[in-house]
Amino acid sequence: MRLGVKTWCRRALTALLLGQAGLVLAATDCDGLEPVPWRAVAPGAWVWLPPDGGDVSADNAGHVVTTSALVSGRQALVIDPGPSHLHGERVRRSLACRFGAQVRWIVNTHAHSENVLANSAFAADVAAGRTQILATAATREGMALRCPDCLASLTRRVGEARMTGTRIVLPTRTLSEGEVLRLGRWRLRVMRVEHAHTEGDLVLWDAQHRVVWAGGLVYQNRVPELAQGQLDSWIAALDRLQALAPRQVIATTWSVASASEPPPALQDTRAYLGALREKTLQAMEEGAQPQETDRVALPAFRDWAGYSARHGFNVLRAWRELEPVWMDRQPSAQEVGR
């Protein structure tokens, strides 16, 4: 088969870029590649947003959180690579074919399947020492403990075909509070958040660009999940993020501040969790029982994705956490008798 001059030059250039980047990806592998709809956050920073903003389904193949990439020269850092081997492979090939960049670092912000199972697409590079997977110790422990069940659960929900080749690949390097990840003009300071969305959440903050990567701490039009987290710690974490005065928040969504207001997703998540706390304490005060989750209904958030599936569960989690807080508020018998 003879190639036209333009085709030959394009393939030759691609092969040169990939070879210089140390990638094991033939130029022809870029032909017919389904493009990733990357959106520019800032120079060198890109996001691949979830297709529908809803919960995990066969239609979205588990892609319900944002996949991010920072690219500088022929190196890339990926934050939360996604829910499956196929998703991660698409990320890896897109960065190679579009930018001529090899993924040198992957950051797992927390131990949820939709964020971390795409690690498996980079397993060969990890084994060869070309790629490191970075996370907190709590995230690595959470993945080792829960990812087998999470993989099985996600496979049931999206179908085996969507999860082909997916296996659990654990982080290889532990990140600590205050550590700084450097790539090109980006300086990502590591912030650890304990027992908020999960037992250990990782936040990355670039003060120059005023961009914060918040993992699973920030939602938009979708009910947060308190499964491994704690309500008061999560609220405190959001207050900490808001104090940074970020211009952009990248988490389960991508939210941009207006001229006078913080990123709306940050405020909306804080509003839901704050209302959940206030309403749960009010129900306790009124003598309700934990199972009476309808006493903690939040009509303002009823249209959010996952409300019927998760809000009642969040009430039970909040109740268990807040019951000692409510008890401490009650006057003692001696005080009542005075």
Protein backbone atom coordinates (compact mmCIF):
# COMPACT_ATOMS: atom_id res chain seq x y z
CA MET A 1 0.00 0.00 0.00
CA ARG A 2 1.45 3.41 -1.04
CA LEU A 3 0.98 6.40 1.23
CA GLY A 4 0.44 9.98 0.08
CA VAL A 5 3.11 12.49 0.96
CA LYS A 6 0.94 14.20 3.62
CA THR A 7 -0.01 10.90 5.23
CA TRP A 8 3.58 9.70 5.23
CA CYS A 9 4.82 12.97 6.76
CA ARG A 10 2.13 12.92 9.43
CA ARG A 11 2.94 9.36 10.44
CA ALA A 12 6.66 10.04 10.37
CA LEU A 13 6.25 13.08 12.61
CA THR A 14 4.01 11.16 15.01
CA ALA A 15 6.48 8.29 15.14
CA LEU A 16 9.33 10.73 15.84
CA LEU A 17 7.42 12.42 18.68
CA LEU A 18 6.40 9.13 20.21
CA GLY A 19 9.87 7.71 19.92
CA GLN A 20 11.39 10.76 21.60
CA ALA A 21 8.85 10.47 24.39
CA GLY A 22 9.85 6.87 24.98
CA LEU A 23 6.39 5.53 24.17
CA VAL A 24 5.69 2.07 22.90
CA LEU A 25 2.93 3.20 20.57
CA ALA A 26 3.12 2.75 16.82
CA ALA A 27 2.17 5.71 14.66
CA THR A 28 -0.57 3.69 13.00
CA ASP A 29 -2.21 3.21 16.44
CA CYS A 30 -3.31 6.84 16.22
CA ASP A 31 -5.31 6.20 13.05
CA GLY A 32 -9.00 5.81 13.83
CA LEU A 33 -8.50 6.74 17.50
CA GLU A 34 -11.69 8.11 19.02
CA PRO A 35 -10.64 11.60 20.11
CA VAL A 36 -10.92 12.64 23.74
CA PRO A 37 -12.92 15.90 24.01
CA TRP A 38 -10.29 17.68 26.09
CA ARG A 39 -11.24 21.17 27.24
CA ALA A 40 -8.57 23.71 28.14
CA VAL A 41 -8.51 24.90 31.76
CA ALA A 42 -5.33 26.96 31.44
CA PRO A 43 -2.16 26.68 29.32
CA GLY A 44 -1.10 23.03 29.54
CA ALA A 45 -4.09 21.93 31.66
CA TRP A 46 -6.98 19.91 30.25
CA VAL A 47 -10.13 18.22 31.48
CA TRP A 48 -12.29 15.44 30.07
CA LEU A 49 -15.72 15.98 31.60
CA PRO A 50 -18.34 13.29 32.30
CA PRO A 51 -20.84 12.99 29.44
CA ASP A 52 -24.08 13.44 31.39
CA GLY A 53 -23.41 14.62 34.95
CA GLY A 54 -25.41 11.71 36.37
CA ASP A 55 -24.72 8.52 38.27
CA VAL A 56 -22.92 5.42 37.00
CA SER A 57 -24.77 3.68 34.17
CA ALA A 58 -24.16 1.51 31.15
CA ASP A 59 -24.61 4.59 28.97
CA ASN A 60 -21.74 6.53 30.54
CA ALA A 61 -19.58 3.43 31.22
CA GLY A 62 -18.86 4.68 34.72
CA HIS A 63 -17.40 8.00 33.53
CA VAL A 64 -18.98 10.22 36.19
CA VAL A 65 -15.96 12.19 37.41
CA THR A 66 -13.56 14.49 35.62
CA THR A 67 -10.29 13.16 34.21
CA SER A 68 -7.57 15.82 34.15
CA ALA A 69 -4.20 16.08 32.44
CA LEU A 70 -1.29 18.49 32.71
CA VAL A 71 1.04 18.46 29.71
CA SER A 72 4.49 20.04 29.50
CA GLY A 73 6.75 19.18 26.60
CA ARG A 74 6.56 15.42 26.17
CA GLN A 75 5.54 14.65 29.74
CA ALA A 76 2.06 14.42 31.22
CA LEU A 77 0.53 14.11 34.68
CA VAL A 78 -2.97 12.62 34.89
CA ILE A 79 -5.30 13.23 37.84
CA ASP A 80 -8.01 10.59 38.44
CA PRO A 81 -7.56 8.55 35.23
CA GLY A 82 -11.07 7.09 35.25
CA PRO A 83 -13.22 3.99 35.79
CA SER A 84 -11.82 1.33 33.47
CA HIS A 85 -8.91 0.01 31.46
CA LEU A 86 -10.59 1.13 28.24
CA HIS A 87 -11.06 4.66 29.57
CA GLY A 88 -7.44 4.83 30.72
CA GLU A 89 -6.19 3.44 27.42
CA ARG A 90 -8.09 6.16 25.58
CA VAL A 91 -6.49 8.78 27.85
CA ARG A 92 -3.01 7.32 27.36
CA ARG A 93 -3.29 7.12 23.57
CA SER A 94 -4.89 10.55 23.27
CA LEU A 95 -2.07 12.23 25.19
CA ALA A 96 0.48 10.38 23.07
CA CYS A 97 -1.16 11.07 19.71
CA ARG A 98 -2.40 14.60 20.26
CA PHE A 99 0.44 15.98 22.38
CA GLY A 100 3.29 13.52 21.84
CA ALA A 101 3.38 13.12 25.62
CA GLN A 102 3.98 10.13 27.84
CA VAL A 103 2.11 9.87 31.11
CA ARG A 104 4.86 9.97 33.72
CA TRP A 105 2.69 10.50 36.79
CA ILE A 106 -0.85 9.54 37.79
CA VAL A 107 -2.52 10.97 40.89
CA ASN A 108 -5.33 9.02 42.58
CA THR A 109 -7.17 11.54 44.75
CA HIS A 110 -9.18 8.95 46.68
CA ALA A 111 -10.15 5.28 46.67
CA HIS A 112 -13.31 5.20 44.56
CA SER A 113 -13.57 2.91 41.55
CA GLU A 114 -14.67 5.57 39.07
CA ASN A 115 -11.47 7.51 39.81
CA VAL A 116 -8.79 4.82 39.99
CA LEU A 117 -9.57 1.65 38.04
CA ALA A 118 -8.13 3.15 34.83
CA ASN A 119 -4.71 2.73 36.49
CA SER A 120 -4.60 -0.65 34.78
CA ALA A 121 -4.11 0.97 31.35
CA PHE A 122 -0.70 2.16 32.60
CA ALA A 123 0.37 -1.08 34.29
CA ALA A 124 3.08 -1.89 31.75
CA ASP A 125 4.59 1.59 32.08
CA VAL A 126 4.46 1.32 35.87
CA ALA A 127 6.20 -2.06 35.77
CA ALA A 128 8.88 -0.64 33.47
CA GLY A 129 9.48 2.36 35.73
CA ARG A 130 8.21 4.89 33.17
CA THR A 131 5.15 5.89 35.23
CA GLN A 132 4.47 6.42 38.92
CA ILE A 133 1.04 6.31 40.56
CA LEU A 134 0.80 8.78 43.44
CA ALA A 135 -1.66 8.83 46.33
CA THR A 136 -1.91 9.21 50.08
CA ALA A 137 -1.32 6.19 52.29
CA ALA A 138 -5.03 6.21 53.23
CA THR A 139 -6.04 6.02 49.57
CA ARG A 140 -3.71 3.10 48.90
CA GLU A 141 -5.05 1.25 51.93
CA GLY A 142 -8.64 2.00 50.89
CA MET A 143 -8.00 0.72 47.37
CA ALA A 144 -6.42 -2.48 48.64
CA LEU A 145 -9.37 -3.05 50.95
CA ARG A 146 -12.32 -2.08 48.75
CA CYS A 147 -11.30 -2.14 45.09
CA PRO A 148 -12.01 -5.87 44.56
CA ASP A 149 -15.64 -5.32 45.59
CA CYS A 150 -15.78 -1.99 43.77
CA LEU A 151 -14.55 -3.57 40.55
CA ALA A 152 -17.21 -6.27 40.79
CA SER A 153 -19.92 -3.70 41.56
CA LEU A 154 -18.94 -1.38 38.72
CA THR A 155 -18.81 -4.31 36.30
CA ARG A 156 -22.37 -5.28 37.24
CA ARG A 157 -23.61 -1.75 36.67
CA VAL A 158 -21.93 -0.93 33.36
CA GLY A 159 -21.47 -4.40 31.83
CA GLU A 160 -18.45 -6.67 31.33
CA ALA A 161 -17.68 -5.34 27.85
CA ARG A 162 -17.09 -1.83 29.23
CA MET A 163 -14.70 -3.18 31.86
CA THR A 164 -12.64 -5.42 29.58
CA GLY A 165 -9.04 -5.65 30.75
CA THR A 166 -9.64 -3.72 33.97
CA ARG A 167 -7.67 -4.86 36.98
CA ILE A 168 -6.54 -3.29 40.21
CA VAL A 169 -3.21 -1.47 40.07
CA LEU A 170 -2.24 0.15 43.37
CA PRO A 171 -0.33 3.42 43.85
CA THR A 172 3.45 3.13 43.89
CA ARG A 173 4.40 6.31 45.75
CA THR A 174 2.94 7.99 48.84
CA LEU A 175 2.30 11.73 48.88
CA SER A 176 2.60 13.81 52.04
CA GLU A 177 1.04 17.09 53.19
CA GLY A 178 2.90 20.10 51.77
CA GLU A 179 4.73 18.16 49.07
CA VAL A 180 4.89 19.98 45.72
CA LEU A 181 4.52 18.30 42.32
CA ARG A 182 6.23 20.25 39.54
CA LEU A 183 5.49 20.04 35.83
CA GLY A 184 6.36 22.93 33.54
CA ARG A 185 4.81 26.09 34.98
CA TRP A 186 2.57 24.15 37.34
CA ARG A 187 3.33 23.79 41.04
CA LEU A 188 0.78 21.51 42.69
CA ARG A 189 0.86 21.62 46.49
CA VAL A 190 -0.46 18.51 48.17
CA MET A 191 -3.16 18.98 50.80
CA ARG A 192 -4.41 15.97 52.74
CA VAL A 193 -7.99 15.86 54.01
CA GLU A 194 -8.83 13.16 56.54
CA HIS A 195 -12.28 11.55 56.86
CA ALA A 196 -14.28 13.89 54.63
CA HIS A 197 -15.58 12.32 51.41
CA THR A 198 -13.51 9.21 52.18
CA GLU A 199 -11.06 8.16 54.87
CA GLY A 200 -8.33 10.05 53.01
CA ASP A 201 -8.86 12.65 50.27
CA LEU A 202 -6.08 14.39 48.40
CA VAL A 203 -6.31 17.97 47.14
CA LEU A 204 -3.87 19.63 44.72
CA TRP A 205 -3.58 23.42 44.72
CA ASP A 206 -1.76 25.64 42.23
CA ALA A 207 -1.62 29.12 43.75
CA GLN A 208 -0.31 30.84 40.61
CA HIS A 209 -3.18 29.70 38.40
CA ARG A 210 -5.61 29.54 41.37
CA VAL A 211 -6.80 26.09 40.33
CA VAL A 212 -7.67 23.41 42.87
CA TRP A 213 -8.15 19.72 42.14
CA ALA A 214 -10.58 18.56 44.83
CA GLY A 215 -11.19 14.90 43.92
CA GLY A 216 -14.54 13.76 45.30
CA LEU A 217 -15.05 16.70 47.66
CA VAL A 218 -17.03 18.89 45.25
CA TYR A 219 -20.19 18.00 43.29
CA GLN A 220 -22.63 19.89 41.11
CA ASN A 221 -26.30 19.00 40.68
CA ARG A 222 -25.49 15.55 42.07
CA VAL A 223 -25.95 14.39 45.67
CA PRO A 224 -22.61 13.76 47.42
CA GLU A 225 -21.90 10.37 48.92
CA LEU A 226 -21.03 10.01 52.61
CA ALA A 227 -20.13 6.33 52.40
CA GLN A 228 -16.65 6.46 53.97
CA GLY A 229 -16.70 10.10 55.03
CA GLN A 230 -17.76 12.29 57.91
CA LEU A 231 -20.10 15.23 57.56
CA ASP A 232 -18.37 17.77 59.80
CA SER A 233 -14.92 16.96 58.39
CA TRP A 234 -16.27 17.38 54.86
CA ILE A 235 -17.81 20.75 55.67
CA ALA A 236 -14.52 21.85 57.26
CA ALA A 237 -12.63 20.71 54.15
CA LEU A 238 -14.89 22.79 51.90
CA ASP A 239 -14.38 25.83 54.13
CA ARG A 240 -10.63 25.25 53.82
CA LEU A 241 -10.90 25.13 50.03
CA GLN A 242 -13.04 28.25 49.91
CA ALA A 243 -10.45 30.10 51.99
CA LEU A 244 -7.95 29.52 49.16
CA ALA A 245 -10.16 31.70 46.92
CA PRO A 246 -9.77 29.43 43.88
CA ARG A 247 -10.78 30.62 40.44
CA GLN A 248 -11.42 27.08 39.22
CA VAL A 249 -12.33 23.84 40.96
CA ILE A 250 -11.84 20.49 39.24
CA ALA A 251 -13.48 17.55 40.99
CA THR A 252 -16.44 15.42 39.96
CA THR A 253 -17.21 18.52 37.87
CA TRP A 254 -15.39 21.58 36.59
CA SER A 255 -16.56 24.81 38.17
CA VAL A 256 -15.33 28.33 37.39
CA ALA A 257 -15.73 31.39 39.63
CA SER A 258 -17.52 34.49 38.44
CA ALA A 259 -16.19 37.99 38.96
CA SER A 260 -17.68 38.22 42.46
CA GLU A 261 -18.57 34.68 43.54
CA PRO A 262 -16.53 31.52 44.23
CA PRO A 263 -16.93 28.50 41.93
CA PRO A 264 -20.64 27.61 42.24
CA ALA A 265 -20.08 23.87 42.69
CA LEU A 266 -18.03 24.58 45.81
CA GLN A 267 -20.86 26.65 47.27
CA ASP A 268 -23.56 24.18 46.21
CA THR A 269 -21.82 21.19 47.82
CA ARG A 270 -21.33 23.20 51.01
CA ALA A 271 -25.01 24.21 50.93
CA TYR A 272 -26.21 20.59 50.65
CA LEU A 273 -23.99 19.31 53.45
CA GLY A 274 -24.84 22.27 55.66
CA ALA A 275 -28.58 21.75 55.10
CA LEU A 276 -28.19 18.03 55.83
CA ARG A 277 -26.49 18.82 59.13
CA GLU A 278 -29.02 21.44 60.21
CA LYS A 279 -32.06 19.38 59.24
CA THR A 280 -30.74 16.22 60.92
CA LEU A 281 -30.19 18.05 64.21
CA GLN A 282 -33.64 19.59 63.90
CA ALA A 283 -35.21 16.15 63.44
CA MET A 284 -33.43 14.91 66.57
CA GLU A 285 -34.72 17.92 68.47
CA GLU A 286 -38.26 17.09 67.33
CA GLY A 287 -38.00 13.51 68.60
CA ALA A 288 -37.70 11.76 65.22
CA GLN A 289 -36.06 8.35 64.88
CA PRO A 290 -33.05 7.66 62.59
CA GLN A 291 -35.10 5.55 60.19
CA GLU A 292 -37.52 8.44 59.62
CA THR A 293 -35.37 9.82 56.82
CA ASP A 294 -38.34 11.69 55.36
CA ARG A 295 -38.07 14.03 58.36
CA VAL A 296 -34.78 15.21 56.87
CA ALA A 297 -36.09 15.85 53.36
CA LEU A 298 -34.29 18.63 51.48
CA PRO A 299 -36.66 19.83 48.72
CA ALA A 300 -34.13 22.33 47.38
CA PHE A 301 -31.92 19.44 46.29
CA ARG A 302 -34.60 16.96 45.22
CA ASP A 303 -33.80 17.46 41.52
CA TRP A 304 -30.13 16.60 41.95
CA ALA A 305 -28.98 13.31 40.43
CA GLY A 306 -28.89 10.52 43.02
CA TYR A 307 -31.24 12.20 45.51
CA SER A 308 -33.59 9.22 45.82
CA ALA A 309 -30.71 6.74 45.85
CA ARG A 310 -28.32 8.46 48.26
CA HIS A 311 -29.96 11.15 50.35
CA GLY A 312 -31.64 8.71 52.75
CA PHE A 313 -28.35 6.89 53.22
CA ASN A 314 -26.59 10.19 53.87
CA VAL A 315 -29.21 10.98 56.54
CA LEU A 316 -28.43 7.73 58.36
CA ARG A 317 -24.70 8.43 58.21
CA ALA A 318 -25.20 12.01 59.39
CA TRP A 319 -27.50 10.87 62.21
CA ARG A 320 -24.93 8.43 63.55
CA GLU A 321 -22.24 11.11 63.48
CA LEU A 322 -24.34 13.95 64.89
CA GLU A 323 -26.16 12.10 67.68
CA PRO A 324 -23.31 12.69 70.17
CA VAL A 325 -23.24 16.36 69.10
CA TRP A 326 -26.96 16.66 69.79
CA MET A 327 -26.62 14.84 73.13
CA ASP A 328 -23.93 17.30 74.22
CA ARG A 329 -26.37 20.12 73.53
CA GLN A 330 -29.01 18.72 75.89
CA PRO A 331 -29.20 20.08 79.44
CA SER A 332 -28.36 17.62 82.20
CA ALA A 333 -30.98 16.48 84.74
CA GLN A 334 -29.43 18.79 87.36
CA GLU A 335 -29.71 21.76 84.99
CA VAL A 336 -33.33 20.92 84.19
CA GLY A 337 -34.18 20.81 87.92
CA ARG A 338 -32.78 24.23 88.67
